């Protein structure tokens, strides 16, 4: 049974011509061992001028999971499918949305969303 899901970044890109990615590792224990969930990157392109760092997953009150990542003033979010193997398209047909302000960690309290 998978209890731990880790979204990890490989490298530190500054543009589309450099290699970087976000991958997913899973384990049934926080101490590991971890294995690659997809066998390929979940994200492997430079979207909205942001790097693949400061990753965080968030589960909304309706059960929807989101991935947040980015750096400085550029952050992206994506709706994750139930198996964490891809995305659910947003209402505007995008898969990755640029968000601001900076804040890879999200939580919900008293019906307000906080990005920290």
PDB file of N, CA and C in Angstrom:
ATOM      1  N   UNK A   1       0.839  -1.183   0.000  1.00  0.00           N
ATOM      2  CA  UNK A   1       0.000   0.000   0.000  1.00  0.00           C
ATOM      3  C   UNK A   1       0.882   1.243   0.000  1.00  0.00           C
ATOM      4  N   UNK A   2       0.581   2.179  -0.869  1.00  0.00           N
ATOM      5  CA  UNK A   2       1.349   3.424  -0.959  1.00  0.00           C
ATOM      6  C   UNK A   2       0.812   4.409   0.075  1.00  0.00           C
ATOM      7  N   UNK A   3       1.681   4.828   0.977  1.00  0.00           N
ATOM      8  CA  UNK A   3       1.306   5.799   1.994  1.00  0.00           C
ATOM      9  C   UNK A   3       2.009   7.136   1.800  1.00  0.00           C
ATOM     10  N   UNK A   4       3.148   7.131   1.132  1.00  0.00           N
ATOM     11  CA  UNK A   4       3.961   8.334   0.978  1.00  0.00           C
ATOM     12  C   UNK A   4       4.158   8.608  -0.505  1.00  0.00           C
ATOM     13  N   UNK A   5       3.896   9.840  -0.919  1.00  0.00           N
ATOM     14  CA  UNK A   5       4.139  10.264  -2.295  1.00  0.00           C
ATOM     15  C   UNK A   5       5.056  11.469  -2.234  1.00  0.00           C
ATOM     16  N   UNK A   6       6.178  11.394  -2.940  1.00  0.00           N
ATOM     17  CA  UNK A   6       7.156  12.483  -2.947  1.00  0.00           C
ATOM     18  C   UNK A   6       7.275  13.055  -4.354  1.00  0.00           C
ATOM     19  N   UNK A   7       7.046  14.361  -4.476  1.00  0.00           N
ATOM     20  CA  UNK A   7       7.271  15.061  -5.741  1.00  0.00           C
ATOM     21  C   UNK A   7       8.654  15.673  -5.630  1.00  0.00           C
ATOM     22  N   UNK A   8       9.584  15.221  -6.455  1.00  0.00           N
ATOM     23  CA  UNK A   8      10.947  15.727  -6.333  1.00  0.00           C
ATOM     24  C   UNK A   8      11.437  16.299  -7.652  1.00  0.00           C
ATOM     25  N   UNK A   9      12.288  17.299  -7.537  1.00  0.00           N
ATOM     26  CA  UNK A   9      12.856  17.957  -8.701  1.00  0.00           C
ATOM     27  C   UNK A   9      14.253  17.444  -8.977  1.00  0.00           C
ATOM     28  N   UNK A  10      14.587  17.405 -10.249  1.00  0.00           N
ATOM     29  CA  UNK A  10      15.916  16.989 -10.679  1.00  0.00           C
ATOM     30  C   UNK A  10      16.503  18.131 -11.487  1.00  0.00           C
ATOM     31  N   UNK A  11      17.597  18.713 -11.008  1.00  0.00           N
ATOM     32  CA  UNK A  11      18.306  19.822 -11.652  1.00  0.00           C
ATOM     33  C   UNK A  11      17.681  21.156 -11.244  1.00  0.00           C
ATOM     34  N   UNK A  12      18.153  22.218 -11.867  1.00  0.00           N
ATOM     35  CA  UNK A  12      17.704  23.571 -11.527  1.00  0.00           C
ATOM     36  C   UNK A  12      17.788  24.413 -12.787  1.00  0.00           C
ATOM     37  N   UNK A  13      16.764  24.348 -13.617  1.00  0.00           N
ATOM     38  CA  UNK A  13      16.820  24.985 -14.926  1.00  0.00           C
ATOM     39  C   UNK A  13      16.514  26.467 -14.870  1.00  0.00           C
ATOM     40  N   UNK A  14      16.901  27.140 -15.928  1.00  0.00           N
ATOM     41  CA  UNK A  14      16.627  28.564 -16.096  1.00  0.00           C
ATOM     42  C   UNK A  14      15.906  28.837 -17.414  1.00  0.00           C
ATOM     43  N   UNK A  15      15.664  27.812 -18.232  1.00  0.00           N
ATOM     44  CA  UNK A  15      15.003  28.010 -19.510  1.00  0.00           C
ATOM     45  C   UNK A  15      14.673  26.695 -20.195  1.00  0.00           C
ATOM     46  N   UNK A  16      13.974  26.762 -21.329  1.00  0.00           N
ATOM     47  CA  UNK A  16      13.489  25.583 -22.042  1.00  0.00           C
ATOM     48  C   UNK A  16      14.579  24.664 -22.576  1.00  0.00           C
ATOM     49  N   UNK A  17      15.772  25.176 -22.810  1.00  0.00           N
ATOM     50  CA  UNK A  17      16.824  24.363 -23.407  1.00  0.00           C
ATOM     51  C   UNK A  17      17.623  23.566 -22.390  1.00  0.00           C
ATOM     52  N   UNK A  18      17.309  23.693 -21.124  1.00  0.00           N
ATOM     53  CA  UNK A  18      18.012  22.963 -20.081  1.00  0.00           C
ATOM     54  C   UNK A  18      17.139  21.821 -19.570  1.00  0.00           C
ATOM     55  N   UNK A  19      17.789  20.760 -19.092  1.00  0.00           N
ATOM     56  CA  UNK A  19      17.052  19.599 -18.620  1.00  0.00           C
ATOM     57  C   UNK A  19      16.687  19.769 -17.141  1.00  0.00           C
ATOM     58  N   UNK A  20      15.443  19.573 -16.857  1.00  0.00           N
ATOM     59  CA  UNK A  20      14.929  19.628 -15.499  1.00  0.00           C
ATOM     60  C   UNK A  20      13.591  18.926 -15.509  1.00  0.00           C
ATOM     61  N   UNK A  21      13.172  18.489 -14.340  1.00  0.00           N
ATOM     62  CA  UNK A  21      11.896  17.788 -14.318  1.00  0.00           C
ATOM     63  C   UNK A  21      11.391  17.634 -12.887  1.00  0.00           C
ATOM     64  N   UNK A  22      10.123  17.323 -12.780  1.00  0.00           N
ATOM     65  CA  UNK A  22       9.520  16.896 -11.530  1.00  0.00           C
ATOM     66  C   UNK A  22       9.105  15.451 -11.732  1.00  0.00           C
ATOM     67  N   UNK A  23       9.536  14.604 -10.811  1.00  0.00           N
ATOM     68  CA  UNK A  23       9.184  13.194 -10.847  1.00  0.00           C
ATOM     69  C   UNK A  23       8.447  12.841  -9.566  1.00  0.00           C
ATOM     70  N   UNK A  24       7.882  11.641  -9.540  1.00  0.00           N
ATOM     71  CA  UNK A  24       7.123  11.187  -8.384  1.00  0.00           C
ATOM     72  C   UNK A  24       7.704   9.865  -7.891  1.00  0.00           C
ATOM     73  N   UNK A  25       8.011   9.827  -6.602  1.00  0.00           N
ATOM     74  CA  UNK A  25       8.458   8.592  -5.962  1.00  0.00           C
ATOM     75  C   UNK A  25       7.435   8.205  -4.911  1.00  0.00           C
ATOM     76  N   UNK A  26       7.247   6.902  -4.719  1.00  0.00           N
ATOM     77  CA  UNK A  26       6.262   6.413  -3.755  1.00  0.00           C
ATOM     78  C   UNK A  26       6.891   5.376  -2.837  1.00  0.00           C
ATOM     79  N   UNK A  27       6.312   5.262  -1.646  1.00  0.00           N
ATOM     80  CA  UNK A  27       6.773   4.287  -0.669  1.00  0.00           C
ATOM     81  C   UNK A  27       5.623   3.954   0.264  1.00  0.00           C
ATOM     82  N   UNK A  28       5.748   2.831   0.952  1.00  0.00           N
ATOM     83  CA  UNK A  28       4.755   2.512   1.974  1.00  0.00           C
ATOM     84  C   UNK A  28       5.246   2.901   3.364  1.00  0.00           C
ATOM     85  N   UNK A  29       6.418   3.567   3.424  1.00  0.00           N
ATOM     86  CA  UNK A  29       6.982   4.016   4.693  1.00  0.00           C
ATOM     87  C   UNK A  29       7.746   5.320   4.488  1.00  0.00           C
ATOM     88  N   UNK A  30       7.687   6.255   5.434  1.00  0.00           N
ATOM     89  CA  UNK A  30       8.467   7.489   5.302  1.00  0.00           C
ATOM     90  C   UNK A  30       9.975   7.233   5.187  1.00  0.00           C
ATOM     91  N   UNK A  31      10.441   6.119   5.742  1.00  0.00           N
ATOM     92  CA  UNK A  31      11.869   5.775   5.694  1.00  0.00           C
ATOM     93  C   UNK A  31      12.256   5.067   4.407  1.00  0.00           C
ATOM     94  N   UNK A  32      11.307   4.815   3.515  1.00  0.00           N
ATOM     95  CA  UNK A  32      11.593   4.166   2.241  1.00  0.00           C
ATOM     96  C   UNK A  32      11.555   2.659   2.387  1.00  0.00           C
ATOM     97  N   UNK A  33      11.965   1.976   1.349  1.00  0.00           N
ATOM     98  CA  UNK A  33      12.542   2.515   0.117  1.00  0.00           C
ATOM     99  C   UNK A  33      11.474   3.140  -0.786  1.00  0.00           C
ATOM    100  N   UNK A  34      11.923   4.059  -1.640  1.00  0.00           N
ATOM    101  CA  UNK A  34      11.057   4.739  -2.596  1.00  0.00           C
ATOM    102  C   UNK A  34      11.291   4.169  -3.988  1.00  0.00           C
ATOM    103  N   UNK A  35      10.246   4.171  -4.799  1.00  0.00           N
ATOM    104  CA  UNK A  35      10.379   3.758  -6.199  1.00  0.00           C
ATOM    105  C   UNK A  35       9.703   4.778  -7.092  1.00  0.00           C
ATOM    106  N   UNK A  36      10.155   4.833  -8.319  1.00  0.00           N
ATOM    107  CA  UNK A  36       9.607   5.749  -9.322  1.00  0.00           C
ATOM    108  C   UNK A  36       8.192   5.309  -9.666  1.00  0.00           C
ATOM    109  N   UNK A  37       7.222   6.225  -9.561  1.00  0.00           N
ATOM    110  CA  UNK A  37       5.829   5.891  -9.849  1.00  0.00           C
ATOM    111  C   UNK A  37       5.550   5.807 -11.342  1.00  0.00           C
ATOM    112  N   UNK A  38       6.110   6.725 -12.128  1.00  0.00           N
ATOM    113  CA  UNK A  38       5.736   6.846 -13.539  1.00  0.00           C
ATOM    114  C   UNK A  38       6.725   6.244 -14.530  1.00  0.00           C
ATOM    115  N   UNK A  39       8.001   6.207 -14.171  1.00  0.00           N
ATOM    116  CA  UNK A  39       9.020   5.791 -15.136  1.00  0.00           C
ATOM    117  C   UNK A  39       9.363   6.893 -16.125  1.00  0.00           C
ATOM    118  N   UNK A  40       8.838   8.087 -15.875  1.00  0.00           N
ATOM    119  CA  UNK A  40       9.096   9.264 -16.701  1.00  0.00           C
ATOM    120  C   UNK A  40       8.751  10.486 -15.863  1.00  0.00           C
ATOM    121  N   UNK A  41       9.184  11.672 -16.269  1.00  0.00           N
ATOM    122  CA  UNK A  41       8.833  12.873 -15.503  1.00  0.00           C
ATOM    123  C   UNK A  41       7.338  13.196 -15.577  1.00  0.00           C
ATOM    124  N   UNK A  42       6.811  13.720 -14.491  1.00  0.00           N
ATOM    125  CA  UNK A  42       5.452  14.273 -14.502  1.00  0.00           C
ATOM    126  C   UNK A  42       5.462  15.594 -15.254  1.00  0.00           C
ATOM    127  N   UNK A  43       6.489  16.420 -14.997  1.00  0.00           N
ATOM    128  CA  UNK A  43       6.666  17.702 -15.677  1.00  0.00           C
ATOM    129  C   UNK A  43       8.110  17.762 -16.156  1.00  0.00           C
ATOM    130  N   UNK A  44       8.317  18.073 -17.427  1.00  0.00           N
ATOM    131  CA  UNK A  44       9.680  18.128 -17.948  1.00  0.00           C
ATOM    132  C   UNK A  44       9.929  19.334 -18.848  1.00  0.00           C
ATOM    133  N   UNK A  45       9.078  20.312 -18.770  1.00  0.00           N
ATOM    134  CA  UNK A  45       9.254  21.535 -19.550  1.00  0.00           C
ATOM    135  C   UNK A  45       9.169  22.744 -18.637  1.00  0.00           C
ATOM    136  N   UNK A  46       9.740  23.826 -19.096  1.00  0.00           N
ATOM    137  CA  UNK A  46       9.791  25.089 -18.382  1.00  0.00           C
ATOM    138  C   UNK A  46       8.493  25.836 -18.673  1.00  0.00           C
ATOM    139  N   UNK A  47       7.559  25.871 -17.720  1.00  0.00           N
ATOM    140  CA  UNK A  47       6.256  26.507 -17.916  1.00  0.00           C
ATOM    141  C   UNK A  47       6.179  27.819 -17.152  1.00  0.00           C
ATOM    142  N   UNK A  48       5.698  28.857 -17.810  1.00  0.00           N
ATOM    143  CA  UNK A  48       5.445  30.153 -17.173  1.00  0.00           C
ATOM    144  C   UNK A  48       6.671  30.723 -16.463  1.00  0.00           C
ATOM    145  N   UNK A  49       7.826  30.533 -17.049  1.00  0.00           N
ATOM    146  CA  UNK A  49       9.084  31.116 -16.562  1.00  0.00           C
ATOM    147  C   UNK A  49       9.452  30.699 -15.140  1.00  0.00           C
ATOM    148  N   UNK A  50       9.077  29.497 -14.741  1.00  0.00           N
ATOM    149  CA  UNK A  50       9.423  29.071 -13.379  1.00  0.00           C
ATOM    150  C   UNK A  50      10.185  27.755 -13.344  1.00  0.00           C
ATOM    151  N   UNK A  51      10.993  27.624 -12.323  1.00  0.00           N
ATOM    152  CA  UNK A  51      11.774  26.415 -12.114  1.00  0.00           C
ATOM    153  C   UNK A  51      10.946  25.356 -11.406  1.00  0.00           C
ATOM    154  N   UNK A  52      11.424  24.136 -11.436  1.00  0.00           N
ATOM    155  CA  UNK A  52      10.714  23.000 -10.848  1.00  0.00           C
ATOM    156  C   UNK A  52      11.143  22.774  -9.398  1.00  0.00           C
ATOM    157  N   UNK A  53      11.146  23.827  -8.611  1.00  0.00           N
ATOM    158  CA  UNK A  53      11.581  23.709  -7.221  1.00  0.00           C
ATOM    159  C   UNK A  53      10.450  24.114  -6.275  1.00  0.00           C
ATOM    160  N   UNK A  54      10.667  23.916  -4.987  1.00  0.00           N
ATOM    161  CA  UNK A  54       9.683  24.267  -3.953  1.00  0.00           C
ATOM    162  C   UNK A  54       8.328  23.617  -4.215  1.00  0.00           C
ATOM    163  N   UNK A  55       8.358  22.323  -4.408  1.00  0.00           N
ATOM    164  CA  UNK A  55       7.135  21.589  -4.741  1.00  0.00           C
ATOM    165  C   UNK A  55       6.296  21.308  -3.489  1.00  0.00           C
ATOM    166  N   UNK A  56       4.993  21.303  -3.675  1.00  0.00           N
ATOM    167  CA  UNK A  56       4.077  21.015  -2.579  1.00  0.00           C
ATOM    168  C   UNK A  56       2.780  20.488  -3.170  1.00  0.00           C
ATOM    169  N   UNK A  57       2.207  19.488  -2.515  1.00  0.00           N
ATOM    170  CA  UNK A  57       0.899  18.973  -2.921  1.00  0.00           C
ATOM    171  C   UNK A  57      -0.137  19.433  -1.904  1.00  0.00           C
ATOM    172  N   UNK A  58      -1.343  19.655  -2.378  1.00  0.00           N
ATOM    173  CA  UNK A  58      -2.432  20.129  -1.531  1.00  0.00           C
ATOM    174  C   UNK A  58      -3.700  19.360  -1.873  1.00  0.00           C
ATOM    175  N   UNK A  59      -4.402  18.875  -0.849  1.00  0.00           N
ATOM    176  CA  UNK A  59      -5.687  18.214  -1.055  1.00  0.00           C
ATOM    177  C   UNK A  59      -6.783  19.177  -0.618  1.00  0.00           C
ATOM    178  N   UNK A  60      -7.647  19.552  -1.567  1.00  0.00           N
ATOM    179  CA  UNK A  60      -8.742  20.470  -1.288  1.00  0.00           C
ATOM    180  C   UNK A  60      -9.859  19.726  -0.551  1.00  0.00           C
ATOM    181  N   UNK A  61     -10.792  20.476   0.004  1.00  0.00           N
ATOM    182  CA  UNK A  61     -11.884  19.882   0.784  1.00  0.00           C
ATOM    183  C   UNK A  61     -12.777  18.976  -0.055  1.00  0.00           C
ATOM    184  N   UNK A  62     -12.769  19.156  -1.371  1.00  0.00           N
ATOM    185  CA  UNK A  62     -13.566  18.299  -2.258  1.00  0.00           C
ATOM    186  C   UNK A  62     -12.801  17.043  -2.691  1.00  0.00           C
ATOM    187  N   UNK A  63     -11.575  16.863  -2.170  1.00  0.00           N
ATOM    188  CA  UNK A  63     -10.772  15.691  -2.494  1.00  0.00           C
ATOM    189  C   UNK A  63      -9.810  15.884  -3.658  1.00  0.00           C
ATOM    190  N   UNK A  64      -9.891  17.003  -4.353  1.00  0.00           N
ATOM    191  CA  UNK A  64      -9.010  17.291  -5.491  1.00  0.00           C
ATOM    192  C   UNK A  64      -7.597  17.606  -4.994  1.00  0.00           C
ATOM    193  N   UNK A  65      -6.593  16.952  -5.594  1.00  0.00           N
ATOM    194  CA  UNK A  65      -5.196  17.244  -5.288  1.00  0.00           C
ATOM    195  C   UNK A  65      -4.631  18.228  -6.305  1.00  0.00           C
ATOM    196  N   UNK A  66      -3.792  19.132  -5.821  1.00  0.00           N
ATOM    197  CA  UNK A  66      -3.090  20.108  -6.647  1.00  0.00           C
ATOM    198  C   UNK A  66      -1.599  20.004  -6.371  1.00  0.00           C
ATOM    199  N   UNK A  67      -0.811  20.260  -7.393  1.00  0.00           N
ATOM    200  CA  UNK A  67       0.634  20.379  -7.245  1.00  0.00           C
ATOM    201  C   UNK A  67       0.986  21.851  -7.410  1.00  0.00           C
ATOM    202  N   UNK A  68       1.783  22.383  -6.498  1.00  0.00           N
ATOM    203  CA  UNK A  68       2.293  23.748  -6.574  1.00  0.00           C
ATOM    204  C   UNK A  68       3.806  23.673  -6.669  1.00  0.00           C
ATOM    205  N   UNK A  69       4.400  24.532  -7.486  1.00  0.00           N
ATOM    206  CA  UNK A  69       5.855  24.597  -7.552  1.00  0.00           C
ATOM    207  C   UNK A  69       6.279  25.921  -8.155  1.00  0.00           C
ATOM    208  N   UNK A  70       7.520  26.293  -7.896  1.00  0.00           N
ATOM    209  CA  UNK A  70       8.056  27.497  -8.493  1.00  0.00           C
ATOM    210  C   UNK A  70       9.073  28.189  -7.623  1.00  0.00           C
ATOM    211  N   UNK A  71       9.383  29.416  -8.013  1.00  0.00           N
ATOM    212  CA  UNK A  71      10.435  30.178  -7.355  1.00  0.00           C
ATOM    213  C   UNK A  71      10.176  31.670  -7.508  1.00  0.00           C
ATOM    214  N   UNK A  72      10.483  32.397  -6.470  1.00  0.00           N
ATOM    215  CA  UNK A  72      10.330  33.850  -6.422  1.00  0.00           C
ATOM    216  C   UNK A  72       8.931  34.256  -6.824  1.00  0.00           C
ATOM    217  N   UNK A  73       8.778  35.078  -7.851  1.00  0.00           N
ATOM    218  CA  UNK A  73       7.431  35.546  -8.200  1.00  0.00           C
ATOM    219  C   UNK A  73       6.714  34.644  -9.184  1.00  0.00           C
ATOM    220  N   UNK A  74       7.320  33.550  -9.601  1.00  0.00           N
ATOM    221  CA  UNK A  74       6.702  32.668 -10.589  1.00  0.00           C
ATOM    222  C   UNK A  74       6.365  31.318  -9.960  1.00  0.00           C
ATOM    223  N   UNK A  75       5.090  31.016  -9.904  1.00  0.00           N
ATOM    224  CA  UNK A  75       4.627  29.742  -9.376  1.00  0.00           C
ATOM    225  C   UNK A  75       3.555  29.169 -10.277  1.00  0.00           C
ATOM    226  N   UNK A  76       3.510  27.843 -10.334  1.00  0.00           N
ATOM    227  CA  UNK A  76       2.511  27.145 -11.130  1.00  0.00           C
ATOM    228  C   UNK A  76       1.698  26.232 -10.235  1.00  0.00           C
ATOM    229  N   UNK A  77       0.506  25.935 -10.683  1.00  0.00           N
ATOM    230  CA  UNK A  77      -0.312  24.911 -10.056  1.00  0.00           C
ATOM    231  C   UNK A  77      -0.908  24.030 -11.146  1.00  0.00           C
ATOM    232  N   UNK A  78      -1.162  22.784 -10.781  1.00  0.00           N
ATOM    233  CA  UNK A  78      -1.799  21.823 -11.674  1.00  0.00           C
ATOM    234  C   UNK A  78      -2.755  20.973 -10.857  1.00  0.00           C
ATOM    235  N   UNK A  79      -3.888  20.630 -11.444  1.00  0.00           N
ATOM    236  CA  UNK A  79      -4.800  19.666 -10.821  1.00  0.00           C
ATOM    237  C   UNK A  79      -4.274  18.280 -11.154  1.00  0.00           C
ATOM    238  N   UNK A  80      -4.076  17.460 -10.139  1.00  0.00           N
ATOM    239  CA  UNK A  80      -3.574  16.106 -10.366  1.00  0.00           C
ATOM    240  C   UNK A  80      -4.729  15.120 -10.481  1.00  0.00           C
ATOM    241  N   UNK A  81      -4.553  14.122 -11.349  1.00  0.00           N
ATOM    242  CA  UNK A  81      -5.580  13.086 -11.426  1.00  0.00           C
ATOM    243  C   UNK A  81      -5.490  12.182 -10.194  1.00  0.00           C
ATOM    244  N   UNK A  82      -6.449  11.300 -10.023  1.00  0.00           N
ATOM    245  CA  UNK A  82      -6.529  10.480  -8.809  1.00  0.00           C
ATOM    246  C   UNK A  82      -5.326   9.569  -8.594  1.00  0.00           C
ATOM    247  N   UNK A  83      -4.656   9.178  -9.655  1.00  0.00           N
ATOM    248  CA  UNK A  83      -3.504   8.280  -9.535  1.00  0.00           C
ATOM    249  C   UNK A  83      -2.173   9.035  -9.520  1.00  0.00           C
ATOM    250  N   UNK A  84      -2.222  10.360  -9.579  1.00  0.00           N
ATOM    251  CA  UNK A  84      -1.027  11.220  -9.594  1.00  0.00           C
ATOM    252  C   UNK A  84      -0.142  10.967 -10.823  1.00  0.00           C
ATOM    253  N   UNK A  85      -0.698  10.451 -11.878  1.00  0.00           N
ATOM    254  CA  UNK A  85       0.073  10.141 -13.077  1.00  0.00           C
ATOM    255  C   UNK A  85      -0.086  11.183 -14.175  1.00  0.00           C
ATOM    256  N   UNK A  86      -0.893  12.188 -13.940  1.00  0.00           N
ATOM    257  CA  UNK A  86      -1.120  13.229 -14.936  1.00  0.00           C
ATOM    258  C   UNK A  86      -2.025  14.299 -14.365  1.00  0.00           C
ATOM    259  N   UNK A  87      -2.581  15.089 -15.251  1.00  0.00           N
ATOM    260  CA  UNK A  87      -3.347  16.264 -14.859  1.00  0.00           C
ATOM    261  C   UNK A  87      -4.802  16.144 -15.234  1.00  0.00           C
ATOM    262  N   UNK A  88      -5.585  16.956 -14.565  1.00  0.00           N
ATOM    263  CA  UNK A  88      -6.965  17.213 -14.958  1.00  0.00           C
ATOM    264  C   UNK A  88      -6.958  18.630 -15.534  1.00  0.00           C
ATOM    265  N   UNK A  89      -7.556  18.805 -16.654  1.00  0.00           N
ATOM    266  CA  UNK A  89      -7.555  20.092 -17.342  1.00  0.00           C
ATOM    267  C   UNK A  89      -8.435  21.082 -16.577  1.00  0.00           C
ATOM    268  N   UNK A  90      -7.936  22.313 -16.418  1.00  0.00           N
ATOM    269  CA  UNK A  90      -8.725  23.381 -15.813  1.00  0.00           C
ATOM    270  C   UNK A  90      -9.852  23.794 -16.769  1.00  0.00           C
ATOM    271  N   UNK A  91     -10.779  24.577 -16.265  1.00  0.00           N
ATOM    272  CA  UNK A  91     -11.929  25.014 -17.057  1.00  0.00           C
ATOM    273  C   UNK A  91     -11.527  25.792 -18.308  1.00  0.00           C
ATOM    274  N   UNK A  92     -10.352  26.450 -18.287  1.00  0.00           N
ATOM    275  CA  UNK A  92      -9.898  27.220 -19.449  1.00  0.00           C
ATOM    276  C   UNK A  92      -9.021  26.389 -20.393  1.00  0.00           C
ATOM    277  N   UNK A  93      -9.034  25.065 -20.256  1.00  0.00           N
ATOM    278  CA  UNK A  93      -8.283  24.113 -21.081  1.00  0.00           C
ATOM    279  C   UNK A  93      -6.782  24.122 -20.826  1.00  0.00           C
ATOM    280  N   UNK A  94      -6.302  24.769 -19.775  1.00  0.00           N
ATOM    281  CA  UNK A  94      -4.876  24.725 -19.440  1.00  0.00           C
ATOM    282  C   UNK A  94      -4.621  23.577 -18.461  1.00  0.00           C
ATOM    283  N   UNK A  95      -3.389  23.103 -18.437  1.00  0.00           N
ATOM    284  CA  UNK A  95      -3.008  22.070 -17.473  1.00  0.00           C
ATOM    285  C   UNK A  95      -2.134  22.632 -16.364  1.00  0.00           C
ATOM    286  N   UNK A  96      -1.359  23.664 -16.666  1.00  0.00           N
ATOM    287  CA  UNK A  96      -0.540  24.345 -15.671  1.00  0.00           C
ATOM    288  C   UNK A  96      -0.916  25.809 -15.673  1.00  0.00           C
ATOM    289  N   UNK A  97      -1.230  26.342 -14.493  1.00  0.00           N
ATOM    290  CA  UNK A  97      -1.619  27.744 -14.381  1.00  0.00           C
ATOM    291  C   UNK A  97      -0.573  28.491 -13.572  1.00  0.00           C
ATOM    292  N   UNK A  98      -0.224  29.679 -14.050  1.00  0.00           N
ATOM    293  CA  UNK A  98       0.661  30.540 -13.282  1.00  0.00           C
ATOM    294  C   UNK A  98      -0.155  31.178 -12.161  1.00  0.00           C
ATOM    295  N   UNK A  99       0.410  31.149 -10.955  1.00  0.00           N
ATOM    296  CA  UNK A  99      -0.247  31.765  -9.808  1.00  0.00           C
ATOM    297  C   UNK A  99       0.718  32.736  -9.143  1.00  0.00           C
ATOM    298  N   UNK A 100       0.185  33.699  -8.471  1.00  0.00           N
ATOM    299  CA  UNK A 100       0.969  34.616  -7.662  1.00  0.00           C
ATOM    300  C   UNK A 100       0.150  34.925  -6.420  1.00  0.00           C
ATOM    301  N   UNK A 101       0.704  35.299  -5.345  1.00  0.00           N
ATOM    302  CA  UNK A 101       2.117  35.540  -5.102  1.00  0.00           C
ATOM    303  C   UNK A 101       2.851  34.239  -4.823  1.00  0.00           C
ATOM    304  N   UNK A 102       4.130  34.393  -4.472  1.00  0.00           N
ATOM    305  CA  UNK A 102       4.942  33.232  -4.143  1.00  0.00           C
ATOM    306  C   UNK A 102       4.306  32.471  -2.993  1.00  0.00           C
ATOM    307  N   UNK A 103       4.304  31.174  -3.101  1.00  0.00           N
ATOM    308  CA  UNK A 103       3.749  30.370  -2.024  1.00  0.00           C
ATOM    309  C   UNK A 103       3.552  28.929  -2.412  1.00  0.00           C
ATOM    310  N   UNK A 104       4.562  28.081  -2.254  1.00  0.00           N
ATOM    311  CA  UNK A 104       4.399  26.692  -2.655  1.00  0.00           C
ATOM    312  C   UNK A 104       3.617  25.859  -1.653  1.00  0.00           C
ATOM    313  N   UNK A 105       3.438  26.351  -0.426  1.00  0.00           N
ATOM    314  CA  UNK A 105       2.696  25.603   0.578  1.00  0.00           C
ATOM    315  C   UNK A 105       1.315  26.224   0.727  1.00  0.00           C
ATOM    316  N   UNK A 106       0.277  25.395   0.583  1.00  0.00           N
ATOM    317  CA  UNK A 106      -1.097  25.881   0.612  1.00  0.00           C
ATOM    318  C   UNK A 106      -1.865  25.134   1.691  1.00  0.00           C
ATOM    319  N   UNK A 107      -2.688  25.863   2.418  1.00  0.00           N
ATOM    320  CA  UNK A 107      -3.613  25.209   3.336  1.00  0.00           C
ATOM    321  C   UNK A 107      -4.921  25.986   3.384  1.00  0.00           C
ATOM    322  N   UNK A 108      -5.949  25.330   3.865  1.00  0.00           N
ATOM    323  CA  UNK A 108      -7.286  25.904   3.946  1.00  0.00           C
ATOM    324  C   UNK A 108      -7.671  25.992   5.418  1.00  0.00           C
ATOM    325  N   UNK A 109      -8.111  27.179   5.829  1.00  0.00           N
ATOM    326  CA  UNK A 109      -8.566  27.365   7.203  1.00  0.00           C
ATOM    327  C   UNK A 109      -9.720  28.363   7.202  1.00  0.00           C
ATOM    328  N   UNK A 110     -10.806  28.004   7.858  1.00  0.00           N
ATOM    329  CA  UNK A 110     -11.981  28.863   7.954  1.00  0.00           C
ATOM    330  C   UNK A 110     -12.421  29.391   6.590  1.00  0.00           C
ATOM    331  N   UNK A 111     -12.481  28.502   5.617  1.00  0.00           N
ATOM    332  CA  UNK A 111     -12.935  28.800   4.253  1.00  0.00           C
ATOM    333  C   UNK A 111     -12.028  29.777   3.501  1.00  0.00           C
ATOM    334  N   UNK A 112     -10.782  29.968   3.936  1.00  0.00           N
ATOM    335  CA  UNK A 112      -9.813  30.804   3.223  1.00  0.00           C
ATOM    336  C   UNK A 112      -8.598  29.958   2.877  1.00  0.00           C
ATOM    337  N   UNK A 113      -8.078  30.186   1.669  1.00  0.00           N
ATOM    338  CA  UNK A 113      -6.859  29.502   1.236  1.00  0.00           C
ATOM    339  C   UNK A 113      -5.662  30.397   1.534  1.00  0.00           C
ATOM    340  N   UNK A 114      -4.616  29.790   2.071  1.00  0.00           N
ATOM    341  CA  UNK A 114      -3.386  30.509   2.397  1.00  0.00           C
ATOM    342  C   UNK A 114      -2.230  29.918   1.625  1.00  0.00           C
ATOM    343  N   UNK A 115      -1.431  30.790   1.000  1.00  0.00           N
ATOM    344  CA  UNK A 115      -0.196  30.381   0.337  1.00  0.00           C
ATOM    345  C   UNK A 115       0.961  30.932   1.167  1.00  0.00           C
ATOM    346  N   UNK A 116       1.879  30.060   1.506  1.00  0.00           N
ATOM    347  CA  UNK A 116       3.010  30.495   2.337  1.00  0.00           C
ATOM    348  C   UNK A 116       4.320  30.121   1.670  1.00  0.00           C
TER     349      UNK A 116
END
